[in-house]
Every structure is written in C-alpha cells, then in structure tokens.
Amino acid sequence: MKATLPRVPGLPKDLFKRMRRAKLTFGDRVHCPFLRPFFLSPEDEERVRTVAETIADLGERITSTALDDKHLFAQLHLREEEERLARIPTGYGRASTASRLDAFLLPDSLKFAEYNGESPAGAGYAETLGEIFRELPVMGKFEQMYEVHTYPLGAKLLDALLMSYVDWGGSSTKPQLAIVDWEDVPTVSEFEILQERFEKMGIPTLIADPRELDWDGKSLVAQDKKIDLVYRRVLINDIVAKPAECSALVKAYSANAVCVANSFRCKIPHVKAFFAVLTDEQNGALVSHGERELIRKHIPWTRVVADVKTAHYGQPIELLAFIRKERENMVLKPSDEYGGAGVTLGWETGEAAWDAAIELALSAKNGVWIAQERIPIRREVFPYITDVGKVDYRDMLVDFAPYLFRGKLCGFLTRLSATGLANVTSGGGQVPAFRVSQHDHLATRGH
C-alpha cells in the first residue's frame, strides 16, 4: 500500500467523499482517516472464533445460573433497578442477541479486555467501511494477489434479531422492527445505514426515540405502527436514569407484548465484573476443565475492588495490598461505564494518584470498580490522512473487537487509537477488517 500512495494522489479526497456520502461520520468527523484496512489471516480468524464463541456461551450460562443463584448474582453487583429489569421474564432464552468482545490480537496471544453484552454499536459502520475500501481502485490490484473476505454484518445481525423474535414466539413473517435510541445520539447515522439494509432485505424498519413509543395496554406503537420487534440500542443505564421517558418500552416488555433484543438480562454478562466471576476460582464448578484453560489464557485476571482476601492464580493474596504493589501491571475501571470513562492505567499513574484511584474505587456510591491485570497490546503503523491531501504514518494501537450475533462470530469492529484507550470518543478511528489469504495458484507457485 505504501508504494501505491504516491501514485494515487486523489485517494484521500476520494475516500473522505465516499465516507461522507455513506453517512460514515461520528458527529462531523469521518470514521476512518486511515488509508489501509486491518488484515487477518484465516488462522487468526479461527483462533478468535473459538475463544470468542466460548466466552459468549459462558455469558449466557452465567446469566441463567445467576438468576437462580443468589451468591453468584451478588458477585455481579447489579444495581437494584437493573436487577428488577433483569428478572422480568422475557419469553425467550438468549440474554444477548448481539454482543461484542473487545480484544487485542497478537501473533502469540489473544486477550479480551471486556465483553459488551448489551448493545454494541458499529456493525453498520464496519460493513459500509469494508464496502468502500473494496471499491477503491487500489484494492483491485491487491485482489489480484490475495483472496479478500469481508463480513456481511447487517444481514447477520438481522438474521439474529429475527431468530430471537421467532424464539420469543413471534409469528409475523415480516415483523415491524423498531431501532430504539435517543434521537440525538452520535450514532444516528448508523441506525440509518441499518434501516436501509434491513428494509432492502424485506423487513419494515423504523427508527424511534423511546419518548415516541406508546403503550396502550395491548401493543407498543410508534409512528402509528404496531411494533413487533425492538432492536434496543438505548442503554439500560439510560432506562434506569430516565424511567418516565422509557416507561412505554418497559411496560410493553414487562407484559411480554413485544420482542426486545437484547433483553434486559443482558446486563448480567455486560458488567465488567463478569470477568471477575470468570477468573475467580470460587466459581470453578460453573466451567469445564477446557473452558478454565481458555479463561486462563485469554481473559485477564479480574477482581471487584474491595478489602478482601482472594487468590491470584492459586496464590492467596490480600487484594488491596496486591493492587498497590502491582500498580505497573494493573488497570482500574468502573464495572459499568462506556467509552473508556474512569479507566486508570497503573503504568501511566504515579503512586499517590494510584492510591487515590483505589480510594475512589472503594468509596464509589454508584456501582463497584474492578481491578484487572494489564494485557499486552498490539501496535501497527497505519497511513493517516492529516488533512485532505497530506498523509503521514502513525504508530497506532489496534483494538480488535469481534461481533457475536446469537453467540456466533460474524465480523469485527477494528479501532485504532494513539493512546491506551481505543474508542471513537478518545479521538481514534475505525478501519475495516478483511480476512486475506494468498490465491491458491500463487501459493503453489511459491509466491
């Protein structure tokens, strides 16, 4: 790609124009100021698939077990109202129809930082970005040498939503779908992308703010249409914080009059304390021997911050003393925040500030904090468009996040950032992920 750039001076301008036309903007920034995709090999994809699908399965297992086991449920530290919502019977099994794992993929390791079991954004953007890159003239040359695979996330997401609807007992062959979130969220452009894709596939889709929904005691209605299926993007945090604005949705859900995906019980595996449950020996009976090995290898040791005795890989420890001593190897973060809020990286923090962060974690009134082992991260150099027409090369952190739709790997969100926090709100960007392999005839000729 590097050699090609000087020969294609119009490429940055062309790319920006295509992105704006395709609604690939977050506020007014384009999603991808980078000039190449992230490439993964078929072997990488297989390695990620096995682990990611196992973690998603564990998310479902912990959810159903926790609903019957008070001791396990207590380890997840849901707030009272979240627990109430999680315990409303939903009429179908899966907690998470759509979920996403945030990972770092290295040649010799694969570590997951957290599980977004609730309402992961970005699938519409990721697929559209992949299509835009596929259409760039420079990819034509690349595809003469490599077989390139992209991921049809929109179709897979719709399939998963419809399967959850059928599981729930839905009988309409073309259920009226509503994508529900606040009208002023920065991801509205993604809802429009998904709406267009879903409608093309024959499913009537509208986008509605929770305040537009109406519950008449029998049906949930929006824009004069009876809603059969809600693709819920409004977060449970918001539903708890704004009960009046979300009451129609919650009432229809409680009456089991509409299929809502993800269901409210998805909060159980979504909180970051989920990884504390997985890595704590006291819960060993919930997982098989093979799963325990997989957890040890791919999930960082995690604990809810409290003045307790616990174990670190079998060795008994005093948790607070351990966190203090191991600052260089630890991260502190709230169990339930988005967009990197509140994350403190021990290796970037002085001793006094670290002690203050531990104090804050212990005294937090609104939910618990977790301490997590530092994980190795991946950096790669990407061509970056500084302003349209100028390109330089930047060493970026690569956050690689597999999407799971009904527990099956369906594609990836790949985010780049200059700092330790990889999300679009911290000034990073997104690139499409392509699976690439050499064409057979080239491989056999020894290329």
Protein backbone atom coordinates (compact mmCIF):
# COMPACT_ATOMS: atom_id res chain seq x y z
CA MET A 1 0.00 0.00 0.00
CA LYS A 2 2.85 2.35 0.95
CA ALA A 3 4.35 2.19 -2.53
CA THR A 4 0.98 2.83 -4.14
CA LEU A 5 0.05 6.01 -2.24
CA PRO A 6 2.28 8.48 -4.11
CA ARG A 7 0.85 7.17 -7.39
CA VAL A 8 -2.75 7.78 -6.24
CA PRO A 9 -2.70 11.40 -5.08
CA GLY A 10 -6.51 11.69 -5.19
CA LEU A 11 -7.04 8.72 -2.86
CA PRO A 12 -7.52 10.59 0.47
CA LYS A 13 -10.01 13.02 -1.06
CA ASP A 14 -11.87 10.20 -2.80
CA LEU A 15 -12.05 8.16 0.43
CA PHE A 16 -13.39 11.09 2.50
CA LYS A 17 -16.01 11.87 -0.13
CA ARG A 18 -17.20 8.24 -0.22
CA MET A 19 -17.38 8.12 3.60
CA ARG A 20 -19.45 11.30 3.93
CA ARG A 21 -21.79 10.09 1.20
CA ALA A 22 -22.23 6.78 3.06
CA LYS A 23 -23.00 8.53 6.42
CA LEU A 24 -19.74 7.29 7.91
CA THR A 25 -19.45 10.19 10.29
CA PHE A 26 -19.37 10.44 14.05
CA GLY A 27 -20.66 13.93 14.73
CA ASP A 28 -18.78 15.73 11.94
CA ARG A 29 -15.63 13.56 11.91
CA VAL A 30 -15.24 10.80 9.35
CA HIS A 31 -14.75 7.38 10.87
CA CYS A 32 -11.64 6.41 9.06
CA PRO A 33 -8.80 8.84 8.48
CA PHE A 34 -6.58 5.81 7.75
CA LEU A 35 -5.62 4.50 4.36
CA ARG A 36 -5.50 0.78 4.85
CA PRO A 37 -7.66 -1.97 6.34
CA PHE A 38 -6.63 -4.33 9.12
CA PHE A 39 -5.70 -7.71 7.65
CA LEU A 40 -6.13 -11.00 9.43
CA SER A 41 -5.28 -14.50 8.29
CA PRO A 42 -7.72 -17.44 8.21
CA GLU A 43 -5.71 -18.90 11.15
CA ASP A 44 -6.19 -15.68 13.16
CA GLU A 45 -9.90 -15.74 12.43
CA GLU A 46 -10.24 -19.36 13.59
CA ARG A 47 -8.30 -18.67 16.80
CA VAL A 48 -10.56 -15.70 17.58
CA ARG A 49 -13.74 -17.58 16.68
CA THR A 50 -13.16 -20.46 19.11
CA VAL A 51 -12.39 -18.23 22.09
CA ALA A 52 -14.98 -15.53 21.38
CA GLU A 53 -17.83 -18.01 20.92
CA THR A 54 -16.87 -19.80 24.14
CA ILE A 55 -16.93 -16.52 26.11
CA ALA A 56 -20.33 -15.64 24.62
CA ASP A 57 -21.60 -19.10 25.67
CA LEU A 58 -20.26 -18.52 29.17
CA GLY A 59 -22.10 -15.18 29.21
CA GLU A 60 -25.37 -16.99 28.58
CA ARG A 61 -24.59 -19.74 31.10
CA ILE A 62 -23.60 -17.30 33.88
CA THR A 63 -26.78 -15.30 33.17
CA SER A 64 -29.19 -18.21 33.55
CA THR A 65 -27.27 -19.61 36.55
CA ALA A 66 -27.09 -16.21 38.30
CA LEU A 67 -30.85 -15.73 38.02
CA ASP A 68 -31.25 -18.87 40.21
CA ASP A 69 -28.14 -18.46 42.41
CA LYS A 70 -28.11 -15.50 44.82
CA HIS A 71 -24.42 -15.89 45.68
CA LEU A 72 -23.39 -15.77 42.01
CA PHE A 73 -25.79 -12.90 41.23
CA ALA A 74 -24.33 -10.85 44.09
CA GLN A 75 -20.83 -11.12 42.54
CA LEU A 76 -22.02 -9.13 39.52
CA HIS A 77 -23.08 -6.11 41.59
CA LEU A 78 -26.08 -5.01 39.56
CA ARG A 79 -27.99 -2.04 40.93
CA GLU A 80 -31.41 -2.70 42.42
CA GLU A 81 -33.41 -1.45 39.43
CA GLU A 82 -31.13 -3.32 36.98
CA GLU A 83 -31.79 -6.50 38.94
CA ARG A 84 -35.53 -5.86 38.79
CA LEU A 85 -35.36 -5.40 34.99
CA ALA A 86 -33.12 -8.47 34.58
CA ARG A 87 -35.61 -10.63 36.46
CA ILE A 88 -38.61 -9.75 34.29
CA PRO A 89 -39.44 -12.96 32.34
CA THR A 90 -38.69 -12.34 28.65
CA GLY A 91 -40.37 -15.28 26.95
CA TYR A 92 -37.15 -16.40 25.24
CA GLY A 93 -33.76 -17.68 26.26
CA ARG A 94 -30.92 -15.54 25.00
CA ALA A 95 -29.71 -12.59 27.06
CA SER A 96 -27.56 -11.18 24.22
CA THR A 97 -28.78 -11.39 20.63
CA ALA A 98 -25.92 -9.06 19.62
CA SER A 99 -22.72 -8.68 21.60
CA ARG A 100 -19.10 -7.76 21.08
CA LEU A 101 -15.82 -8.62 22.75
CA ASP A 102 -13.00 -6.10 22.95
CA ALA A 103 -9.67 -7.77 22.31
CA PHE A 104 -6.04 -7.39 21.42
CA LEU A 105 -4.89 -9.91 18.85
CA LEU A 106 -1.14 -10.57 18.80
CA PRO A 107 0.80 -13.22 16.90
CA ASP A 108 1.27 -15.30 20.07
CA SER A 109 -1.60 -14.15 22.26
CA LEU A 110 -5.22 -13.14 22.22
CA LYS A 111 -6.58 -11.28 25.26
CA PHE A 112 -10.05 -9.90 25.82
CA ALA A 113 -10.41 -6.72 27.89
CA GLU A 114 -14.20 -6.76 28.25
CA TYR A 115 -17.50 -8.13 26.99
CA ASN A 116 -20.08 -5.71 25.62
CA GLY A 117 -23.11 -7.91 26.20
CA GLU A 118 -25.60 -5.11 25.90
CA SER A 119 -25.95 -3.08 22.79
CA PRO A 120 -22.76 -2.84 20.79
CA ALA A 121 -22.65 -0.13 18.16
CA GLY A 122 -20.72 -0.02 14.92
CA ALA A 123 -21.78 -3.05 12.86
CA GLY A 124 -23.42 -0.87 10.19
CA TYR A 125 -20.36 1.37 10.04
CA ALA A 126 -17.91 -1.55 9.89
CA GLU A 127 -19.70 -3.23 6.99
CA THR A 128 -20.10 0.00 5.00
CA LEU A 129 -16.45 0.90 5.54
CA GLY A 130 -15.49 -2.55 4.23
CA GLU A 131 -17.54 -1.96 1.08
CA ILE A 132 -15.99 1.47 0.50
CA PHE A 133 -12.47 0.06 0.78
CA ARG A 134 -13.38 -2.84 -1.53
CA GLU A 135 -14.40 -0.31 -4.20
CA LEU A 136 -11.15 1.67 -4.08
CA PRO A 137 -9.14 1.16 -7.27
CA VAL A 138 -6.05 0.25 -5.23
CA MET A 139 -7.90 -2.82 -3.82
CA GLY A 140 -8.34 -4.17 -7.35
CA LYS A 141 -4.57 -4.60 -7.62
CA PHE A 142 -4.39 -6.14 -4.17
CA GLU A 143 -7.11 -8.66 -5.03
CA GLN A 144 -5.10 -9.96 -7.99
CA MET A 145 -2.70 -11.43 -5.45
CA TYR A 146 -4.89 -12.14 -2.44
CA GLU A 147 -8.28 -13.58 -1.76
CA VAL A 148 -10.13 -10.97 0.30
CA HIS A 149 -13.12 -11.76 2.50
CA THR A 150 -15.39 -9.09 4.03
CA TYR A 151 -18.18 -9.56 6.57
CA PRO A 152 -21.91 -9.05 5.83
CA LEU A 153 -22.72 -7.77 9.32
CA GLY A 154 -26.10 -6.18 8.53
CA ALA A 155 -27.60 -9.40 7.15
CA LYS A 156 -26.19 -11.48 10.02
CA LEU A 157 -27.49 -9.01 12.61
CA LEU A 158 -30.95 -9.03 11.04
CA ASP A 159 -30.93 -12.86 10.97
CA ALA A 160 -30.07 -12.92 14.67
CA LEU A 161 -32.81 -10.42 15.55
CA LEU A 162 -35.38 -12.43 13.57
CA MET A 163 -34.26 -15.70 15.19
CA SER A 164 -34.72 -14.14 18.64
CA TYR A 165 -38.15 -12.93 17.53
CA VAL A 166 -39.12 -16.47 16.44
CA ASP A 167 -37.72 -17.90 19.72
CA TRP A 168 -39.83 -15.40 21.61
CA GLY A 169 -42.92 -16.73 19.83
CA GLY A 170 -43.27 -14.13 17.09
CA SER A 171 -45.38 -15.32 14.18
CA SER A 172 -45.23 -12.49 11.65
CA THR A 173 -43.12 -13.32 8.59
CA LYS A 174 -42.28 -9.62 8.24
CA PRO A 175 -42.31 -8.24 11.77
CA GLN A 176 -42.33 -4.45 12.15
CA LEU A 177 -38.91 -3.66 13.56
CA ALA A 178 -38.00 -0.52 15.51
CA ILE A 179 -34.44 0.60 16.21
CA VAL A 180 -34.87 2.40 19.54
CA ASP A 181 -32.48 5.00 20.94
CA TRP A 182 -32.38 8.74 21.73
CA GLU A 183 -32.72 10.89 18.62
CA ASP A 184 -29.59 12.92 19.45
CA VAL A 185 -27.02 10.12 19.92
CA PRO A 186 -23.96 10.46 17.66
CA THR A 187 -24.62 7.00 16.17
CA VAL A 188 -27.91 8.01 14.48
CA SER A 189 -26.18 7.73 11.11
CA GLU A 190 -25.55 4.05 11.86
CA PHE A 191 -29.26 3.48 12.54
CA GLU A 192 -29.99 4.95 9.10
CA ILE A 193 -27.47 2.59 7.50
CA LEU A 194 -29.05 -0.42 9.25
CA GLN A 195 -32.60 0.73 8.49
CA GLU A 196 -31.77 0.90 4.79
CA ARG A 197 -30.16 -2.55 4.86
CA PHE A 198 -32.99 -4.18 6.83
CA GLU A 199 -35.64 -2.70 4.52
CA LYS A 200 -33.74 -3.91 1.46
CA MET A 201 -33.94 -7.39 3.00
CA GLY A 202 -37.70 -7.01 3.27
CA ILE A 203 -38.16 -6.15 6.95
CA PRO A 204 -40.07 -2.88 7.61
CA THR A 205 -37.88 -0.82 9.95
CA LEU A 206 -38.35 2.49 11.69
CA ILE A 207 -36.08 4.48 13.99
CA ALA A 208 -37.77 5.71 17.16
CA ASP A 209 -36.80 7.67 20.25
CA PRO A 210 -38.02 5.94 23.48
CA ARG A 211 -40.21 9.03 24.11
CA GLU A 212 -42.07 8.38 20.83
CA LEU A 213 -43.19 4.93 21.92
CA ASP A 214 -46.70 4.46 23.10
CA TRP A 215 -48.11 1.57 25.18
CA ASP A 216 -51.88 1.21 25.01
CA GLY A 217 -52.12 -1.81 27.30
CA LYS A 218 -52.00 -4.28 24.39
CA SER A 219 -49.36 -3.14 21.92
CA LEU A 220 -46.30 -0.99 21.63
CA VAL A 221 -46.87 1.67 18.95
CA ALA A 222 -44.51 4.09 17.22
CA GLN A 223 -45.23 6.38 14.26
CA ASP A 224 -48.73 4.81 14.02
CA LYS A 225 -47.31 1.31 13.60
CA LYS A 226 -47.60 -1.63 15.97
CA ILE A 227 -44.07 -2.75 16.85
CA ASP A 228 -43.30 -6.49 16.87
CA LEU A 229 -39.56 -6.42 17.42
CA VAL A 230 -37.36 -3.82 19.13
CA TYR A 231 -33.66 -3.67 18.28
CA ARG A 232 -32.80 -1.94 21.54
CA ARG A 233 -29.89 0.44 21.35
CA VAL A 234 -30.99 2.62 24.27
CA LEU A 235 -28.84 1.53 27.20
CA ILE A 236 -30.16 0.04 30.42
CA ASN A 237 -28.21 2.79 32.25
CA ASP A 238 -30.45 5.33 30.48
CA ILE A 239 -33.61 3.31 31.07
CA VAL A 240 -32.80 3.32 34.79
CA ALA A 241 -31.86 7.02 34.79
CA LYS A 242 -34.94 8.18 32.81
CA PRO A 243 -37.79 5.88 33.83
CA ALA A 244 -40.57 8.23 32.67
CA GLU A 245 -39.15 8.58 29.14
CA CYS A 246 -38.71 4.81 28.83
CA SER A 247 -41.89 3.66 30.56
CA ALA A 248 -43.74 2.57 27.38
CA LEU A 249 -40.83 0.31 26.40
CA VAL A 250 -40.53 -1.18 29.89
CA LYS A 251 -44.30 -1.75 30.20
CA ALA A 252 -44.54 -3.47 26.83
CA TYR A 253 -41.51 -5.60 27.73
CA SER A 254 -42.97 -6.49 31.14
CA ALA A 255 -46.26 -7.51 29.51
CA ASN A 256 -44.25 -9.62 27.03
CA ALA A 257 -46.15 -7.84 24.24
CA VAL A 258 -43.07 -7.17 22.12
CA CYS A 259 -39.79 -8.95 21.49
CA VAL A 260 -36.90 -6.80 22.74
CA ALA A 261 -33.34 -7.71 21.77
CA ASN A 262 -31.11 -7.53 23.65
CA SER A 263 -33.28 -8.44 26.63
CA PHE A 264 -32.72 -6.56 29.90
CA ARG A 265 -31.00 -9.59 31.41
CA CYS A 266 -28.04 -8.93 29.07
CA LYS A 267 -26.83 -6.55 31.79
CA ILE A 268 -25.66 -9.59 33.77
CA PRO A 269 -22.76 -10.58 31.46
CA HIS A 270 -22.30 -6.99 30.28
CA VAL A 271 -20.90 -5.54 33.52
CA LYS A 272 -17.12 -5.75 33.73
CA ALA A 273 -17.45 -7.76 36.96
CA PHE A 274 -18.39 -10.65 34.62
CA PHE A 275 -14.65 -11.23 34.04
CA ALA A 276 -14.14 -11.27 37.83
CA VAL A 277 -16.74 -14.05 38.02
CA LEU A 278 -14.97 -16.00 35.24
CA THR A 279 -11.46 -15.66 36.70
CA ASP A 280 -12.38 -16.37 40.33
CA GLU A 281 -11.61 -19.93 41.44
CA GLN A 282 -14.68 -19.96 43.72
CA ASN A 283 -16.82 -20.26 40.56
CA GLY A 284 -14.78 -23.12 39.11
CA ALA A 285 -17.72 -25.54 39.17
CA LEU A 286 -19.52 -23.46 36.52
CA VAL A 287 -16.95 -24.18 33.82
CA SER A 288 -15.40 -27.28 32.30
CA HIS A 289 -11.70 -28.04 32.50
CA GLY A 290 -11.19 -26.92 28.88
CA GLU A 291 -13.08 -23.67 29.46
CA ARG A 292 -10.99 -22.98 32.57
CA GLU A 293 -7.82 -23.29 30.48
CA LEU A 294 -9.27 -20.97 27.85
CA ILE A 295 -10.20 -18.39 30.50
CA ARG A 296 -6.70 -18.55 31.99
CA LYS A 297 -5.15 -17.98 28.59
CA HIS A 298 -7.44 -15.32 27.15
CA ILE A 299 -9.15 -13.40 29.95
CA PRO A 300 -7.11 -11.13 32.21
CA TRP A 301 -7.29 -11.86 35.94
CA THR A 302 -10.00 -9.51 37.25
CA ARG A 303 -11.43 -8.72 40.70
CA VAL A 304 -14.04 -6.36 42.11
CA VAL A 305 -12.11 -3.80 44.23
CA ALA A 306 -12.83 -4.46 47.92
CA ASP A 307 -10.94 -5.09 51.15
CA VAL A 308 -10.93 -8.89 50.82
CA LYS A 309 -8.72 -11.94 50.66
CA THR A 310 -8.73 -13.73 47.32
CA ALA A 311 -6.41 -15.76 45.11
CA HIS A 312 -4.12 -14.73 42.27
CA TYR A 313 -3.60 -17.78 40.06
CA GLY A 314 -3.93 -20.05 43.11
CA GLN A 315 -1.79 -17.96 45.48
CA PRO A 316 -3.70 -16.39 48.43
CA ILE A 317 -3.47 -12.58 48.50
CA GLU A 318 -4.83 -9.52 50.29
CA LEU A 319 -6.50 -7.80 47.33
CA LEU A 320 -5.85 -4.12 48.21
CA ALA A 321 -2.18 -4.69 49.13
CA PHE A 322 -1.74 -6.65 45.90
CA ILE A 323 -3.28 -3.89 43.74
CA ARG A 324 -1.00 -1.30 45.40
CA LYS A 325 2.13 -3.42 44.94
CA GLU A 326 1.31 -4.39 41.35
CA ARG A 327 0.45 -0.91 40.06
CA GLU A 328 2.62 -1.29 36.94
CA ASN A 329 0.58 -4.33 35.92
CA MET A 330 -2.93 -3.21 36.80
CA VAL A 331 -5.87 -1.26 35.38
CA LEU A 332 -8.70 0.17 37.49
CA LYS A 333 -12.08 0.84 35.90
CA PRO A 334 -15.74 1.19 36.87
CA SER A 335 -17.65 -2.06 36.35
CA ASP A 336 -20.29 -0.25 34.36
CA GLU A 337 -19.12 2.65 32.20
CA TYR A 338 -18.82 3.33 28.47
CA GLY A 339 -16.27 4.98 26.23
CA GLY A 340 -13.28 4.42 28.49
CA ALA A 341 -14.73 6.62 31.26
CA GLY A 342 -12.88 6.35 34.56
CA VAL A 343 -10.20 3.94 33.32
CA THR A 344 -6.88 4.37 35.18
CA LEU A 345 -3.81 2.65 33.74
CA GLY A 346 -1.42 1.86 36.60
CA TRP A 347 1.73 2.08 34.46
CA GLU A 348 0.82 5.63 33.44
CA THR A 349 -0.05 6.71 37.01
CA GLY A 350 2.17 7.80 39.93
CA GLU A 351 1.94 6.11 43.31
CA ALA A 352 -0.07 8.87 45.01
CA ALA A 353 -2.56 9.12 42.14
CA TRP A 354 -2.87 5.32 42.12
CA ASP A 355 -3.67 5.28 45.86
CA ALA A 356 -6.28 7.98 45.23
CA ALA A 357 -7.81 5.87 42.42
CA ILE A 358 -8.03 2.86 44.78
CA GLU A 359 -9.72 5.06 47.41
CA LEU A 360 -12.18 6.32 44.78
CA ALA A 361 -12.89 2.72 43.73
CA LEU A 362 -13.57 1.71 47.35
CA SER A 363 -15.84 4.66 48.14
CA ALA A 364 -17.81 4.79 44.88
CA LYS A 365 -21.50 5.12 45.71
CA ASN A 366 -22.81 4.37 42.24
CA GLY A 367 -21.65 0.84 41.48
CA VAL A 368 -18.38 -1.04 42.00
CA TRP A 369 -14.96 -0.85 40.35
CA ILE A 370 -12.76 -3.63 39.07
CA ALA A 371 -9.02 -4.18 39.06
CA GLN A 372 -7.71 -6.03 36.04
CA GLU A 373 -4.34 -7.34 35.00
CA ARG A 374 -2.55 -5.42 32.28
CA ILE A 375 -2.74 -7.14 28.91
CA PRO A 376 -0.30 -6.96 26.00
CA ILE A 377 -1.45 -4.60 23.29
CA ARG A 378 -0.85 -4.51 19.57
CA ARG A 379 0.55 -1.52 17.72
CA GLU A 380 0.87 -1.16 13.96
CA VAL A 381 1.84 1.62 11.62
CA PHE A 382 -1.02 2.97 9.50
CA PRO A 383 -1.01 5.67 6.80
CA TYR A 384 -3.01 8.56 8.30
CA ILE A 385 -4.64 11.45 6.44
CA THR A 386 -3.65 14.55 8.43
CA ASP A 387 -5.71 16.94 6.36
CA VAL A 388 -7.13 16.04 2.99
CA GLY A 389 -4.23 15.52 0.63
CA LYS A 390 -1.48 15.03 3.23
CA VAL A 391 -0.55 11.59 4.50
CA ASP A 392 1.82 10.57 7.25
CA TYR A 393 2.48 7.29 9.02
CA ARG A 394 1.33 6.78 12.60
CA ASP A 395 2.01 4.09 15.11
CA MET A 396 -1.46 3.15 16.31
CA LEU A 397 -2.88 0.89 18.97
CA VAL A 398 -5.16 -1.73 17.38
CA ASP A 399 -8.28 -2.74 19.33
CA PHE A 400 -9.87 -5.70 17.64
CA ALA A 401 -13.48 -6.45 18.60
CA PRO A 402 -15.35 -9.50 17.28
CA TYR A 403 -19.14 -9.18 16.90
CA LEU A 404 -21.18 -12.15 18.08
CA PHE A 405 -24.73 -12.50 16.87
CA ARG A 406 -26.55 -15.17 18.90
CA GLY A 407 -23.17 -16.37 20.05
CA LYS A 408 -21.65 -16.83 16.57
CA LEU A 409 -18.71 -14.80 15.29
CA CYS A 410 -19.93 -12.62 12.39
CA GLY A 411 -17.29 -9.96 11.83
CA PHE A 412 -15.21 -7.31 13.54
CA LEU A 413 -15.00 -3.73 14.71
CA THR A 414 -11.37 -2.60 14.44
CA ARG A 415 -10.49 0.65 16.16
CA LEU A 416 -7.20 2.49 16.12
CA SER A 417 -6.04 4.99 18.70
CA ALA A 418 -2.86 6.83 19.58
CA THR A 419 -3.33 6.29 23.33
CA GLY A 420 -4.12 3.35 25.61
CA LEU A 421 -7.87 3.88 25.23
CA ALA A 422 -9.31 2.68 21.96
CA ASN A 423 -12.68 4.20 21.25
CA VAL A 424 -14.00 6.78 18.87
CA THR A 425 -14.71 9.24 21.69
CA SER A 426 -11.00 9.37 22.57
CA GLY A 427 -10.06 10.62 19.08
CA GLY A 428 -9.31 7.28 17.47
CA GLY A 429 -10.79 6.00 14.26
CA GLN A 430 -12.03 2.84 12.68
CA VAL A 431 -10.75 0.68 9.83
CA PRO A 432 -12.43 -2.32 8.20
CA ALA A 433 -11.08 -5.81 8.94
CA PHE A 434 -10.50 -8.10 5.97
CA ARG A 435 -9.57 -11.76 6.06
CA VAL A 436 -6.89 -12.32 3.45
CA SER A 437 -5.16 -15.37 2.06
CA GLN A 438 -2.99 -15.94 -0.97
CA HIS A 439 -4.72 -17.20 -4.10
CA ASP A 440 -4.12 -20.93 -4.49
CA HIS A 441 -2.38 -20.59 -7.84
CA LEU A 442 0.06 -18.04 -6.36
CA ALA A 443 0.69 -20.11 -3.24
CA THR A 444 1.53 -23.17 -5.35
CA ARG A 445 3.94 -21.14 -7.50
CA GLY A 446 5.84 -20.29 -4.32
CA HIS A 447 4.90 -16.58 -4.21
